[in-house]
Amino acid sequence: MISSVIFLACLIGAILVGLSTRGNMYVTGPDRWGDEKQKFNTMWLIKPIGIFVLGIIISSIQPFALERIDAGNKGLKVNLTGSERGVAKYQYKTGWVVYNDWTEQVKEFPLFQQHIEYDAQEVITKGGFSATIKPSFNYSLREDAIGDMFVNLRLDIKEIEKGWLKNAIVSSVNDVANRWEVDAIFNKREEFEAAIIVECNKRVSKWFTVSQLRTNIVPPASLQKAIEGKTKAVQEAQAAQQRTLVAQAEAQEKIAIARGDSAKVIIDAQALALAMKLKQKEITPLYVEYLKAQTWNGVLPTTVAGGTGTFLNIK
């Protein structure tokens, strides 16, 4: 952009110089016959043409550049002539930045969250089973660590995403998967991915913060069938256990009812025996004669001897 400005300035200067010297376009002098005559003077073009050519040369070789740092980003102006990893010092910049591209460099890094999705990778779980992952996650740069990251890696953010950051994420997933049983991964995927996020942030927290990671892990077809079979067996075992508990509860209920019925019978029998015992104590010979009298209908019994007027006292 600065080259364009320099070229435009030289072009305008050449035009202005040409306009100021256009009075010298013609000169008066003798022709070959000795007559005085006006001739076109090419010498007045030397200055404007020279300025124009000089502008082209300067604009093509000048070292300065102009760059704008977009909103939501931080610019890093780096001095490339230093001895520390090729970087002497760096400055954080925003807005428009003028720099010498022969000795300086300007890099732009986003401060807002970025979303990354990597291609499918193979990982090995505990026990030697393989599984396929296709990790996706969000990351954000630590604003105060951008300069240190560039000094150490000397790469653009997109190159870092494809290289250093990818290696850190994939190796974290692999190392955590090595500590988990394959069926536990799928039965407790939320805990598994939370453990990966913790491990990732341990490795990249110097420059990055990782969040919302999803492994999108897929088991091999044979292993998936085995997991489904195991899950089905566990569900059936749980159902059988539940049925056993129900049966035990029903049996306990029946036992309780039977015990209640038995207790009632015993209580009733004891009450009846006690009542009979009390009645036996109340019965006397006199009471028996009284009962007989109460139940007599007034008719005397008959005997084979005939007649009704004789009482026989049989003892």
Protein backbone atom coordinates (compact mmCIF):
# COMPACT_ATOMS: atom_id res chain seq x y z
CA MET A 1 0.00 0.00 0.00
CA ILE A 2 2.86 2.36 0.81
CA SER A 3 4.41 1.53 -2.58
CA SER A 4 1.20 2.65 -4.24
CA VAL A 5 1.25 5.89 -2.28
CA ILE A 6 4.87 6.59 -3.28
CA PHE A 7 4.16 5.82 -6.94
CA LEU A 8 1.10 8.06 -6.93
CA ALA A 9 3.07 10.88 -5.29
CA CYS A 10 5.85 10.64 -7.90
CA LEU A 11 3.30 10.57 -10.70
CA ILE A 12 1.65 13.72 -9.41
CA GLY A 13 5.08 15.32 -8.97
CA ALA A 14 6.04 14.45 -12.54
CA ILE A 15 2.79 15.97 -13.84
CA LEU A 16 3.30 19.15 -11.83
CA VAL A 17 6.89 19.51 -13.01
CA GLY A 18 5.80 18.92 -16.58
CA LEU A 19 3.12 21.57 -16.28
CA SER A 20 5.56 24.07 -14.81
CA THR A 21 8.07 23.57 -17.63
CA ARG A 22 5.74 23.25 -20.56
CA GLY A 23 6.67 26.76 -21.63
CA ASN A 24 9.93 25.26 -22.87
CA MET A 25 8.16 22.84 -25.20
CA TYR A 26 9.31 24.87 -28.24
CA VAL A 27 12.57 26.66 -29.02
CA THR A 28 13.40 29.09 -31.86
CA GLY A 29 16.36 28.33 -34.10
CA PRO A 30 17.53 28.29 -37.72
CA ASP A 31 16.55 25.43 -39.94
CA ARG A 32 18.85 23.91 -42.59
CA TRP A 33 18.16 26.76 -44.89
CA GLY A 34 19.09 29.33 -42.29
CA ASP A 35 15.57 30.53 -41.62
CA GLU A 36 14.41 31.10 -38.00
CA LYS A 37 11.75 28.61 -37.03
CA GLN A 38 10.18 27.12 -33.82
CA LYS A 39 11.15 23.56 -33.04
CA PHE A 40 9.70 21.07 -30.53
CA ASN A 41 12.01 20.85 -27.46
CA THR A 42 12.28 17.35 -25.95
CA MET A 43 14.52 18.47 -23.11
CA TRP A 44 11.58 19.71 -21.00
CA LEU A 45 10.36 16.11 -20.68
CA ILE A 46 13.54 14.94 -18.95
CA LYS A 47 12.53 16.13 -15.48
CA PRO A 48 8.93 14.76 -15.36
CA ILE A 49 9.96 11.49 -16.98
CA GLY A 50 12.87 11.21 -14.55
CA ILE A 51 10.57 11.81 -11.57
CA PHE A 52 8.10 9.21 -12.90
CA VAL A 53 10.82 6.56 -13.40
CA LEU A 54 12.29 7.35 -10.00
CA GLY A 55 8.85 6.85 -8.46
CA ILE A 56 8.55 3.42 -10.08
CA ILE A 57 11.98 2.40 -8.78
CA ILE A 58 11.41 3.69 -5.27
CA SER A 59 7.92 2.14 -5.00
CA SER A 60 9.24 -1.23 -6.16
CA ILE A 61 12.20 -1.43 -3.78
CA GLN A 62 11.05 0.56 -0.74
CA PRO A 63 10.88 -1.65 2.41
CA PHE A 64 7.92 -0.15 4.23
CA ALA A 65 4.47 -1.72 4.44
CA LEU A 66 1.16 -0.77 5.97
CA GLU A 67 -1.20 -3.30 7.52
CA ARG A 68 -4.44 -3.05 9.49
CA ILE A 69 -5.12 -5.26 12.53
CA ASP A 70 -8.78 -6.29 12.47
CA ALA A 71 -11.06 -5.85 15.48
CA GLY A 72 -10.98 -8.82 17.84
CA ASN A 73 -7.38 -9.57 16.90
CA LYS A 74 -4.01 -8.61 18.30
CA GLY A 75 -1.08 -7.71 16.09
CA LEU A 76 2.47 -8.70 16.87
CA LYS A 77 5.23 -6.51 15.39
CA VAL A 78 8.41 -8.57 15.48
CA ASN A 79 11.99 -7.44 14.99
CA LEU A 80 13.67 -10.17 12.91
CA THR A 81 17.26 -9.02 13.40
CA GLY A 82 17.63 -10.24 16.99
CA SER A 83 19.60 -13.13 18.40
CA GLU A 84 16.85 -14.73 20.53
CA ARG A 85 15.48 -17.42 18.19
CA GLY A 86 15.88 -14.83 15.44
CA VAL A 87 13.66 -12.36 17.31
CA ALA A 88 15.11 -9.44 19.24
CA LYS A 89 11.84 -8.01 20.52
CA TYR A 90 8.17 -7.77 19.73
CA GLN A 91 5.42 -5.23 20.27
CA TYR A 92 1.67 -5.67 20.51
CA LYS A 93 -0.18 -3.53 17.97
CA THR A 94 -3.76 -2.65 17.04
CA GLY A 95 -5.25 -0.61 14.19
CA TRP A 96 -2.96 0.51 11.34
CA VAL A 97 0.69 -0.57 11.61
CA VAL A 98 3.62 0.73 9.53
CA TYR A 99 6.70 -1.49 9.51
CA ASN A 100 9.87 -2.25 7.58
CA ASP A 101 9.30 -5.64 5.97
CA TRP A 102 13.02 -6.13 5.46
CA THR A 103 13.72 -6.24 9.20
CA GLU A 104 10.27 -6.54 10.77
CA GLN A 105 7.22 -8.75 10.54
CA VAL A 106 3.61 -8.28 11.59
CA LYS A 107 1.50 -11.28 12.62
CA GLU A 108 -2.20 -11.23 13.47
CA PHE A 109 -3.71 -13.52 16.12
CA PRO A 110 -7.42 -13.89 17.03
CA LEU A 111 -8.50 -13.18 20.61
CA PHE A 112 -11.98 -14.72 20.26
CA GLN A 113 -12.74 -18.45 20.48
CA GLN A 114 -11.90 -20.61 17.48
CA HIS A 115 -13.59 -23.92 16.57
CA ILE A 116 -11.45 -26.79 15.28
CA GLU A 117 -12.42 -30.18 13.82
CA TYR A 118 -9.66 -32.68 13.05
CA ASP A 119 -9.79 -35.68 10.72
CA ALA A 120 -10.43 -39.18 12.05
CA GLN A 121 -7.60 -40.68 14.13
CA GLU A 122 -7.03 -44.15 15.62
CA VAL A 123 -6.49 -44.46 19.38
CA ILE A 124 -5.76 -47.49 21.56
CA THR A 125 -7.86 -48.03 24.69
CA LYS A 126 -6.92 -49.96 27.81
CA GLY A 127 -6.70 -53.63 26.93
CA GLY A 128 -5.42 -53.03 23.41
CA PHE A 129 -8.72 -52.28 21.66
CA SER A 130 -8.60 -49.65 18.93
CA ALA A 131 -11.22 -46.99 18.36
CA THR A 132 -11.71 -44.13 15.93
CA ILE A 133 -11.91 -40.52 17.12
CA LYS A 134 -12.67 -37.33 15.24
CA PRO A 135 -12.00 -34.65 17.86
CA SER A 136 -13.65 -31.24 17.75
CA PHE A 137 -13.16 -28.46 20.29
CA ASN A 138 -12.95 -24.74 20.93
CA TYR A 139 -9.79 -22.92 21.90
CA SER A 140 -8.78 -19.38 22.78
CA LEU A 141 -5.33 -17.80 22.92
CA ARG A 142 -3.96 -16.39 26.12
CA GLU A 143 -3.59 -12.73 25.21
CA ASP A 144 -0.52 -12.17 27.36
CA ALA A 145 1.29 -15.22 25.94
CA ILE A 146 1.01 -14.59 22.19
CA GLY A 147 4.52 -13.12 21.91
CA ASP A 148 6.11 -15.99 23.83
CA MET A 149 4.28 -18.50 21.63
CA PHE A 150 5.56 -16.86 18.45
CA VAL A 151 9.13 -16.67 19.75
CA ASN A 152 9.04 -20.41 20.45
CA LEU A 153 7.12 -21.66 17.41
CA ARG A 154 7.65 -18.95 14.77
CA LEU A 155 4.42 -19.98 12.99
CA ASP A 156 1.10 -18.46 11.99
CA ILE A 157 -1.93 -19.51 14.03
CA LYS A 158 -3.29 -21.71 11.22
CA GLU A 159 0.02 -23.57 10.99
CA ILE A 160 0.03 -23.99 14.78
CA GLU A 161 -3.49 -25.45 14.61
CA LYS A 162 -2.38 -28.05 12.06
CA GLY A 163 0.87 -28.90 13.81
CA TRP A 164 1.69 -28.24 17.45
CA LEU A 165 -1.88 -27.91 18.73
CA LYS A 166 -3.10 -30.97 16.82
CA ASN A 167 -0.31 -33.12 18.24
CA ALA A 168 -1.12 -31.94 21.77
CA ILE A 169 -4.85 -32.69 21.42
CA VAL A 170 -4.51 -36.09 19.74
CA SER A 171 -1.79 -37.28 22.14
CA SER A 172 -3.94 -36.18 25.11
CA VAL A 173 -6.90 -38.17 23.80
CA ASN A 174 -4.68 -41.21 23.20
CA ASP A 175 -3.05 -41.08 26.62
CA VAL A 176 -6.38 -40.74 28.45
CA ALA A 177 -7.94 -43.52 26.32
CA ASN A 178 -5.07 -45.83 27.33
CA ARG A 179 -6.26 -45.54 30.94
CA TRP A 180 -9.93 -46.33 30.22
CA GLU A 181 -11.63 -49.65 29.49
CA VAL A 182 -13.35 -49.50 26.13
CA ASP A 183 -16.84 -50.20 27.51
CA ALA A 184 -16.32 -47.61 30.27
CA ILE A 185 -15.57 -45.01 27.59
CA PHE A 186 -18.97 -45.50 25.97
CA ASN A 187 -20.88 -45.96 29.21
CA LYS A 188 -19.32 -42.85 30.80
CA ARG A 189 -18.44 -40.74 27.79
CA GLU A 190 -19.05 -37.43 29.58
CA GLU A 191 -16.52 -38.29 32.30
CA PHE A 192 -14.09 -39.58 29.65
CA GLU A 193 -14.19 -36.34 27.64
CA ALA A 194 -13.95 -34.23 30.81
CA ALA A 195 -10.74 -36.11 31.69
CA ILE A 196 -9.38 -35.35 28.20
CA ILE A 197 -10.10 -31.62 28.58
CA VAL A 198 -8.17 -31.60 31.87
CA GLU A 199 -5.24 -33.39 30.24
CA CYS A 200 -5.28 -31.07 27.19
CA ASN A 201 -5.22 -27.94 29.32
CA LYS A 202 -2.27 -29.31 31.27
CA ARG A 203 -0.31 -29.52 28.02
CA VAL A 204 -1.42 -26.35 26.22
CA SER A 205 -2.28 -23.96 29.08
CA LYS A 206 0.98 -22.07 28.53
CA TRP A 207 -0.53 -20.51 25.40
CA PHE A 208 -4.09 -21.86 24.93
CA THR A 209 -7.31 -22.68 26.77
CA VAL A 210 -9.29 -25.66 25.42
CA SER A 211 -13.03 -26.17 26.03
CA GLN A 212 -16.11 -28.03 24.73
CA LEU A 213 -14.10 -30.98 23.45
CA ARG A 214 -15.94 -33.87 21.79
CA THR A 215 -14.08 -37.01 20.77
CA ASN A 216 -16.89 -38.38 18.54
CA ILE A 217 -15.36 -41.76 19.32
CA VAL A 218 -16.61 -44.80 17.37
CA PRO A 219 -15.73 -48.40 18.30
CA PRO A 220 -14.94 -51.11 15.71
CA ALA A 221 -18.01 -53.03 14.47
CA SER A 222 -17.03 -56.27 16.25
CA LEU A 223 -16.37 -54.46 19.50
CA GLN A 224 -19.62 -52.56 19.19
CA LYS A 225 -21.53 -55.85 18.97
CA ALA A 226 -19.69 -57.13 22.04
CA ILE A 227 -20.54 -53.96 23.93
CA GLU A 228 -24.18 -54.23 22.90
CA GLY A 229 -24.22 -57.88 24.04
CA LYS A 230 -22.67 -57.00 27.37
CA THR A 231 -25.07 -54.12 27.84
CA LYS A 232 -28.00 -56.41 27.06
CA ALA A 233 -26.73 -59.01 29.52
CA VAL A 234 -26.36 -56.38 32.23
CA GLN A 235 -29.88 -55.12 31.55
CA GLU A 236 -31.28 -58.66 31.71
CA ALA A 237 -29.42 -59.34 34.95
CA GLN A 238 -30.81 -56.15 36.42
CA ALA A 239 -34.32 -57.13 35.29
CA ALA A 240 -33.93 -60.59 36.85
CA GLN A 241 -32.68 -59.03 40.06
CA GLN A 242 -35.68 -56.74 40.07
CA ARG A 243 -38.04 -59.68 39.56
CA THR A 244 -36.34 -61.50 42.45
CA LEU A 245 -36.84 -58.51 44.71
CA VAL A 246 -40.51 -58.34 43.71
CA ALA A 247 -40.96 -62.08 44.40
CA GLN A 248 -39.26 -61.74 47.77
CA ALA A 249 -41.51 -58.84 48.65
CA GLU A 250 -44.61 -60.81 47.66
CA ALA A 251 -43.42 -63.83 49.67
CA GLN A 252 -42.82 -61.64 52.71
CA GLU A 253 -46.30 -60.24 52.30
CA LYS A 254 -47.83 -63.73 52.17
CA ILE A 255 -45.84 -64.80 55.22
CA ALA A 256 -47.06 -61.76 57.09
CA ILE A 257 -50.66 -62.48 56.11
CA ALA A 258 -50.31 -66.16 57.15
CA ARG A 259 -48.79 -65.19 60.45
CA GLY A 260 -51.64 -62.80 61.00
CA ASP A 261 -54.22 -65.51 60.22
CA SER A 262 -52.45 -68.00 62.52
CA ALA A 263 -52.29 -65.50 65.30
CA LYS A 264 -56.00 -64.81 64.91
CA VAL A 265 -56.86 -68.54 65.09
CA ILE A 266 -54.71 -68.97 68.18
CA ILE A 267 -56.24 -65.96 69.82
CA ASP A 268 -59.77 -67.13 68.98
CA ALA A 269 -59.02 -70.65 70.30
CA GLN A 270 -57.51 -69.28 73.47
CA ALA A 271 -60.54 -67.04 73.96
CA LEU A 272 -62.93 -69.96 73.40
CA ALA A 273 -61.03 -72.21 75.81
CA LEU A 274 -61.01 -69.50 78.41
CA ALA A 275 -64.75 -68.95 77.94
CA MET A 276 -65.45 -72.69 78.33
CA LYS A 277 -63.28 -72.83 81.39
CA LEU A 278 -65.18 -69.94 82.92
CA LYS A 279 -68.50 -71.55 82.04
CA GLN A 280 -67.41 -74.85 83.61
CA LYS A 281 -66.64 -73.00 86.80
CA GLU A 282 -70.10 -71.45 86.78
CA ILE A 283 -72.02 -74.74 86.23
CA THR A 284 -73.32 -76.32 89.51
CA PRO A 285 -75.88 -79.15 90.09
CA LEU A 286 -78.41 -76.59 91.17
CA TYR A 287 -77.74 -74.52 88.02
CA VAL A 288 -78.20 -77.66 85.92
CA GLU A 289 -81.58 -78.39 87.54
CA TYR A 290 -82.50 -74.74 86.91
CA LEU A 291 -81.65 -75.08 83.25
CA LYS A 292 -83.72 -78.26 83.01
CA ALA A 293 -86.65 -76.51 84.57
CA GLN A 294 -86.26 -73.62 82.17
CA THR A 295 -86.34 -75.93 79.18
CA TRP A 296 -89.19 -78.26 80.44
CA ASN A 297 -92.35 -78.03 78.35
CA GLY A 298 -94.69 -79.26 81.10
CA VAL A 299 -95.14 -82.79 79.70
CA LEU A 300 -94.10 -85.68 81.93
CA PRO A 301 -92.04 -88.45 80.33
CA THR A 302 -93.75 -91.80 79.61
CA THR A 303 -92.38 -95.27 80.46
CA VAL A 304 -93.07 -98.83 79.36
CA ALA A 305 -95.07 -99.27 82.57
CA GLY A 306 -97.50 -96.77 81.21
CA GLY A 307 -99.03 -93.83 82.92
CA THR A 308 -97.70 -90.45 83.67
CA GLY A 309 -98.18 -89.98 87.32
CA THR A 310 -95.24 -91.81 88.70
CA PHE A 311 -91.75 -90.23 88.90
CA LEU A 312 -88.86 -92.58 88.90
CA ASN A 313 -85.69 -91.41 90.47
CA ILE A 314 -83.02 -93.35 88.77
CA LYS A 315 -79.57 -92.92 90.17
